[in-house]
Amino acid sequence: MLLPIASFAKRCLALVVASVLYASAAQAVTVDLITNGDFETGDLSGWNATSSSYAEDFQINNGRFNPRGPTRRVDPISGNYDVMNEQTGYGISTLTQFFTVPDRVISASFNFTYQLVNHYASGFDDPNQQFRVSLIDDAGAVISQIFSTQPGDAAVQGATPLSYDLTSYLQAGVGSTLGIQFDVETSYYYMNASLDDIAMMVETPATVPLPASVWMMLAGLGLFAALGWSRKARNGVDIANCDGPVAA
């Protein structure tokens, strides 16, 4: 009876090893580090809007928002809401959100959609009449300027989705606090930018617990191993207690 038990135990052990290897493999999950990136809460939850001089804050737009200046009402880029900056003169409007980078990062993709109208007759100017997107540290210092308008760009730009690979930056900042900041700087005349569908998609390793079936196999393996050792020990005692041949 020892051979069948040993064979079964080996098979159980092989299944357990395979399951452990599977569970410890490089499994990953993708999470969005940005809160309320589509603004479908109908407010600026998760975001911080600031302004300087005569600029005004970013405002929620549901299609009925009428900003100051020549820009008229526009529909949200997608869904029921997006955000749009408003201004009464020169200054800078910012929209910022900070997030904590996971301890391990496999990949990171930053996505957003914008549309803008620049009413300044001479077009964009760097940096005085410009729309910018930056990756910042927890003190607000710019780590990387991800996107910016440039002189010669079209004054009117419809909904434009953009995606950037920020893997190297987030891998360098694992465990730290970073932020995404949108700036609209106007020094000459009105400019309005709308934003929507903002996401920081980060792929990170997932902790995969052993399935219950594996724990059951481990318990069964231990039981059969104990039975095998018990039987082996008992057989050894029986052999030892056998009377030897009687001398003639």
Protein backbone atom coordinates (compact mmCIF):
# COMPACT_ATOMS: atom_id res chain seq x y z
CA MET A 1 0.00 0.00 0.00
CA LEU A 2 2.99 2.35 0.34
CA LEU A 3 3.54 2.74 -3.39
CA PRO A 4 0.06 4.09 -4.24
CA ILE A 5 0.29 6.55 -1.33
CA ALA A 6 3.72 7.74 -2.39
CA SER A 7 2.60 8.11 -5.99
CA PHE A 8 -0.44 10.15 -4.97
CA ALA A 9 1.68 12.30 -2.67
CA LYS A 10 4.09 13.06 -5.50
CA ARG A 11 1.21 14.09 -7.74
CA CYS A 12 -0.18 16.36 -5.04
CA LEU A 13 3.24 17.87 -4.51
CA ALA A 14 3.57 18.56 -8.23
CA LEU A 15 0.17 20.30 -8.28
CA VAL A 16 1.08 22.38 -5.24
CA VAL A 17 4.40 23.45 -6.75
CA ALA A 18 2.69 24.40 -10.01
CA SER A 19 0.07 26.43 -8.14
CA VAL A 20 2.66 28.22 -6.03
CA LEU A 21 4.67 29.08 -9.13
CA TYR A 22 1.52 30.37 -10.82
CA ALA A 23 0.57 32.47 -7.80
CA SER A 24 4.04 33.94 -7.49
CA ALA A 25 4.31 34.73 -11.19
CA ALA A 26 4.35 38.34 -12.37
CA GLN A 27 0.63 38.96 -12.19
CA ALA A 28 -0.43 42.59 -12.50
CA VAL A 29 -3.41 44.88 -12.12
CA THR A 30 -4.00 48.26 -13.74
CA VAL A 31 -5.28 51.09 -11.55
CA ASP A 32 -6.21 54.71 -12.30
CA LEU A 33 -4.45 57.04 -9.87
CA ILE A 34 -6.60 60.02 -10.86
CA THR A 35 -9.85 60.68 -9.00
CA ASN A 36 -12.84 62.10 -10.87
CA GLY A 37 -10.93 62.44 -14.12
CA ASP A 38 -14.15 62.50 -16.15
CA PHE A 39 -15.84 65.06 -13.84
CA GLU A 40 -19.04 63.04 -13.90
CA THR A 41 -19.51 63.82 -10.20
CA GLY A 42 -20.62 67.22 -11.45
CA ASP A 43 -18.00 69.00 -9.34
CA LEU A 44 -14.24 69.33 -8.89
CA SER A 45 -13.89 66.59 -6.26
CA GLY A 46 -10.24 65.48 -6.09
CA TRP A 47 -8.98 68.58 -7.91
CA ASN A 48 -7.54 71.89 -6.79
CA ALA A 49 -8.28 74.93 -8.97
CA THR A 50 -6.29 78.15 -8.51
CA SER A 51 -5.86 81.42 -10.39
CA SER A 52 -3.68 84.52 -10.33
CA SER A 53 -4.10 88.15 -11.37
CA TYR A 54 -7.25 88.49 -13.48
CA ALA A 55 -7.53 84.85 -14.46
CA GLU A 56 -10.39 82.80 -13.06
CA ASP A 57 -10.58 79.22 -11.85
CA PHE A 58 -11.55 76.20 -13.91
CA GLN A 59 -15.31 75.66 -13.75
CA ILE A 60 -17.53 72.63 -14.26
CA ASN A 61 -19.24 72.78 -17.65
CA ASN A 62 -22.49 70.96 -18.33
CA GLY A 63 -23.09 72.66 -21.66
CA ARG A 64 -24.75 75.68 -20.07
CA PHE A 65 -21.61 77.33 -18.70
CA ASN A 66 -21.03 80.66 -20.44
CA PRO A 67 -17.48 81.90 -19.76
CA ARG A 68 -16.54 85.57 -19.79
CA GLY A 69 -15.12 86.75 -23.09
CA PRO A 70 -15.93 85.89 -26.69
CA THR A 71 -16.11 82.09 -26.17
CA ARG A 72 -19.71 80.96 -26.08
CA ARG A 73 -21.28 77.90 -24.51
CA VAL A 74 -19.89 74.57 -25.68
CA ASP A 75 -20.98 71.00 -25.02
CA PRO A 76 -18.86 68.83 -22.71
CA ILE A 77 -16.17 66.84 -24.50
CA SER A 78 -17.81 63.60 -23.33
CA GLY A 79 -20.46 62.55 -20.86
CA ASN A 80 -22.44 65.12 -18.94
CA TYR A 81 -19.58 67.27 -17.67
CA ASP A 82 -16.08 68.53 -18.39
CA VAL A 83 -14.14 71.56 -17.07
CA MET A 84 -13.30 74.90 -18.69
CA ASN A 85 -11.17 77.80 -17.50
CA GLU A 86 -12.59 81.30 -17.31
CA GLN A 87 -10.81 84.66 -17.30
CA THR A 88 -11.43 88.37 -17.11
CA GLY A 89 -7.90 89.40 -18.11
CA TYR A 90 -4.27 88.30 -17.94
CA GLY A 91 -3.09 85.66 -15.47
CA ILE A 92 -2.72 81.91 -14.96
CA SER A 93 -5.46 79.36 -14.24
CA THR A 94 -4.33 75.98 -12.88
CA LEU A 95 -6.02 72.65 -12.26
CA THR A 96 -4.01 70.21 -10.14
CA GLN A 97 -4.35 66.77 -8.61
CA PHE A 98 -1.79 64.90 -6.50
CA PHE A 99 -1.54 61.11 -6.21
CA THR A 100 0.61 58.51 -4.48
CA VAL A 101 2.77 56.35 -6.74
CA PRO A 102 2.60 52.61 -5.90
CA ASP A 103 5.70 50.92 -4.47
CA ARG A 104 6.16 49.00 -7.70
CA VAL A 105 5.36 50.24 -11.20
CA ILE A 106 5.44 48.09 -14.33
CA SER A 107 4.10 50.75 -16.69
CA ALA A 108 2.32 54.11 -16.52
CA SER A 109 0.23 55.86 -19.15
CA PHE A 110 -1.17 59.38 -18.76
CA ASN A 111 -4.23 60.22 -20.88
CA PHE A 112 -6.40 63.29 -21.28
CA THR A 113 -8.58 65.05 -23.85
CA TYR A 114 -8.52 68.81 -24.39
CA GLN A 115 -10.04 71.41 -26.65
CA LEU A 116 -9.23 75.11 -26.70
CA VAL A 117 -9.91 78.45 -28.34
CA ASN A 118 -7.26 81.19 -28.42
CA HIS A 119 -8.75 84.56 -29.31
CA TYR A 120 -5.43 86.41 -29.43
CA ALA A 121 -4.89 87.57 -33.03
CA SER A 122 -1.15 86.81 -32.94
CA GLY A 123 -1.74 83.24 -31.82
CA PHE A 124 0.16 81.34 -29.16
CA ASP A 125 3.25 82.66 -27.43
CA ASP A 126 5.72 80.74 -25.26
CA PRO A 127 5.14 81.17 -22.35
CA ASN A 128 2.84 84.20 -22.22
CA GLN A 129 -0.11 82.84 -24.20
CA GLN A 130 0.06 79.11 -23.66
CA PHE A 131 -1.71 75.95 -22.48
CA ARG A 132 0.58 73.55 -20.58
CA VAL A 133 0.41 70.15 -18.88
CA SER A 134 3.10 69.17 -16.37
CA LEU A 135 4.12 66.39 -14.02
CA ILE A 136 5.05 68.00 -10.69
CA ASP A 137 6.46 66.91 -7.34
CA ASP A 138 4.70 67.35 -4.01
CA ALA A 139 6.12 70.86 -3.68
CA GLY A 140 4.75 71.92 -7.06
CA ALA A 141 8.10 71.93 -8.89
CA VAL A 142 7.88 70.79 -12.50
CA ILE A 143 9.46 67.37 -13.12
CA SER A 144 8.48 67.25 -16.78
CA GLN A 145 6.41 69.43 -19.08
CA ILE A 146 4.30 66.78 -20.77
CA PHE A 147 2.54 69.00 -23.29
CA SER A 148 2.36 72.65 -24.32
CA THR A 149 0.97 74.68 -27.18
CA GLN A 150 3.54 76.30 -29.44
CA PRO A 151 3.65 79.43 -31.63
CA GLY A 152 2.04 78.59 -34.96
CA ASP A 153 -0.43 76.07 -33.52
CA ALA A 154 -4.04 76.35 -34.66
CA ALA A 155 -5.99 78.91 -32.66
CA VAL A 156 -9.06 76.67 -32.48
CA GLN A 157 -8.47 73.02 -31.56
CA GLY A 158 -11.36 70.59 -31.24
CA ALA A 159 -11.49 67.67 -28.85
CA THR A 160 -8.03 66.09 -29.00
CA PRO A 161 -7.18 62.92 -27.02
CA LEU A 162 -3.52 62.54 -26.03
CA SER A 163 -1.58 59.75 -24.33
CA TYR A 164 1.93 59.80 -22.87
CA ASP A 165 4.17 57.05 -21.47
CA LEU A 166 5.32 58.21 -18.02
CA THR A 167 6.70 54.85 -16.88
CA SER A 168 10.25 56.07 -16.26
CA TYR A 169 9.08 59.05 -14.19
CA LEU A 170 6.78 57.02 -11.97
CA GLN A 171 9.34 54.23 -11.56
CA ALA A 172 11.80 56.87 -10.38
CA GLY A 173 9.21 58.17 -7.90
CA VAL A 174 7.78 54.95 -6.43
CA GLY A 175 6.16 55.51 -3.06
CA SER A 176 6.23 59.30 -3.43
CA THR A 177 3.56 61.93 -4.04
CA LEU A 178 3.42 63.40 -7.53
CA GLY A 179 0.88 65.57 -9.31
CA ILE A 180 -0.60 66.50 -12.67
CA GLN A 181 -1.06 70.20 -13.33
CA PHE A 182 -2.86 71.95 -16.20
CA ASP A 183 -2.01 75.64 -16.78
CA VAL A 184 -3.68 78.23 -18.99
CA GLU A 185 -1.51 81.34 -19.10
CA THR A 186 -2.87 84.42 -20.87
CA SER A 187 -1.02 87.70 -21.12
CA TYR A 188 -2.71 89.22 -24.17
CA TYR A 189 -6.30 88.15 -24.75
CA TYR A 190 -8.89 85.54 -23.94
CA MET A 191 -8.10 81.83 -24.19
CA ASN A 192 -10.31 79.00 -22.97
CA ALA A 193 -9.32 75.36 -22.53
CA SER A 194 -11.65 72.45 -21.80
CA LEU A 195 -10.48 69.16 -20.23
CA ASP A 196 -11.99 65.71 -19.85
CA ASP A 197 -11.21 61.99 -19.55
CA ILE A 198 -8.05 62.50 -17.48
CA ALA A 199 -6.43 59.26 -16.31
CA MET A 200 -3.11 58.00 -14.94
CA MET A 201 -3.24 54.27 -15.70
CA VAL A 202 -0.55 52.40 -13.76
CA GLU A 203 0.19 48.70 -14.06
CA THR A 204 1.48 47.30 -10.78
CA PRO A 205 2.15 43.74 -9.51
CA ALA A 206 -0.74 42.15 -7.65
CA THR A 207 -0.44 39.93 -4.60
CA VAL A 208 -2.11 36.65 -5.57
CA PRO A 209 -3.11 34.45 -2.61
CA LEU A 210 -3.02 30.68 -2.95
CA PRO A 211 -6.42 29.25 -3.88
CA ALA A 212 -8.33 27.28 -1.26
CA SER A 213 -7.93 24.14 -3.39
CA VAL A 214 -4.14 24.40 -3.03
CA TRP A 215 -4.40 24.65 0.75
CA MET A 216 -6.62 21.53 0.70
CA MET A 217 -4.03 19.70 -1.37
CA LEU A 218 -1.34 20.77 1.09
CA ALA A 219 -3.42 19.41 3.96
CA GLY A 220 -4.06 16.17 2.07
CA LEU A 221 -0.40 15.80 1.23
CA GLY A 222 0.51 16.20 4.89
CA LEU A 223 -2.10 13.63 5.90
CA PHE A 224 -0.92 11.03 3.40
CA ALA A 225 2.69 11.67 4.32
CA ALA A 226 1.82 11.07 7.97
CA LEU A 227 -0.02 7.86 7.09
CA GLY A 228 2.93 6.69 5.03
CA TRP A 229 5.42 7.28 7.81
CA SER A 230 3.08 5.62 10.32
CA ARG A 231 2.67 2.51 8.15
CA LYS A 232 6.39 2.37 7.47
CA ALA A 233 7.18 2.62 11.16
CA ARG A 234 4.59 -0.04 12.04
CA ASN A 235 5.94 -2.44 9.43
CA GLY A 236 9.41 -1.94 10.81
CA VAL A 237 8.20 -2.87 14.30
CA ASP A 238 6.39 -5.96 12.98
CA ILE A 239 9.54 -7.15 11.25
CA ALA A 240 11.57 -6.58 14.38
CA ASN A 241 9.12 -8.57 16.50
CA CYS A 242 9.03 -11.59 14.18
CA ASP A 243 10.61 -14.74 15.70
CA GLY A 244 13.60 -15.98 13.81
CA PRO A 245 13.93 -19.57 12.61
CA VAL A 246 14.16 -22.16 15.39
CA ALA A 247 17.40 -24.10 15.39
CA ALA A 248 17.02 -27.75 14.94
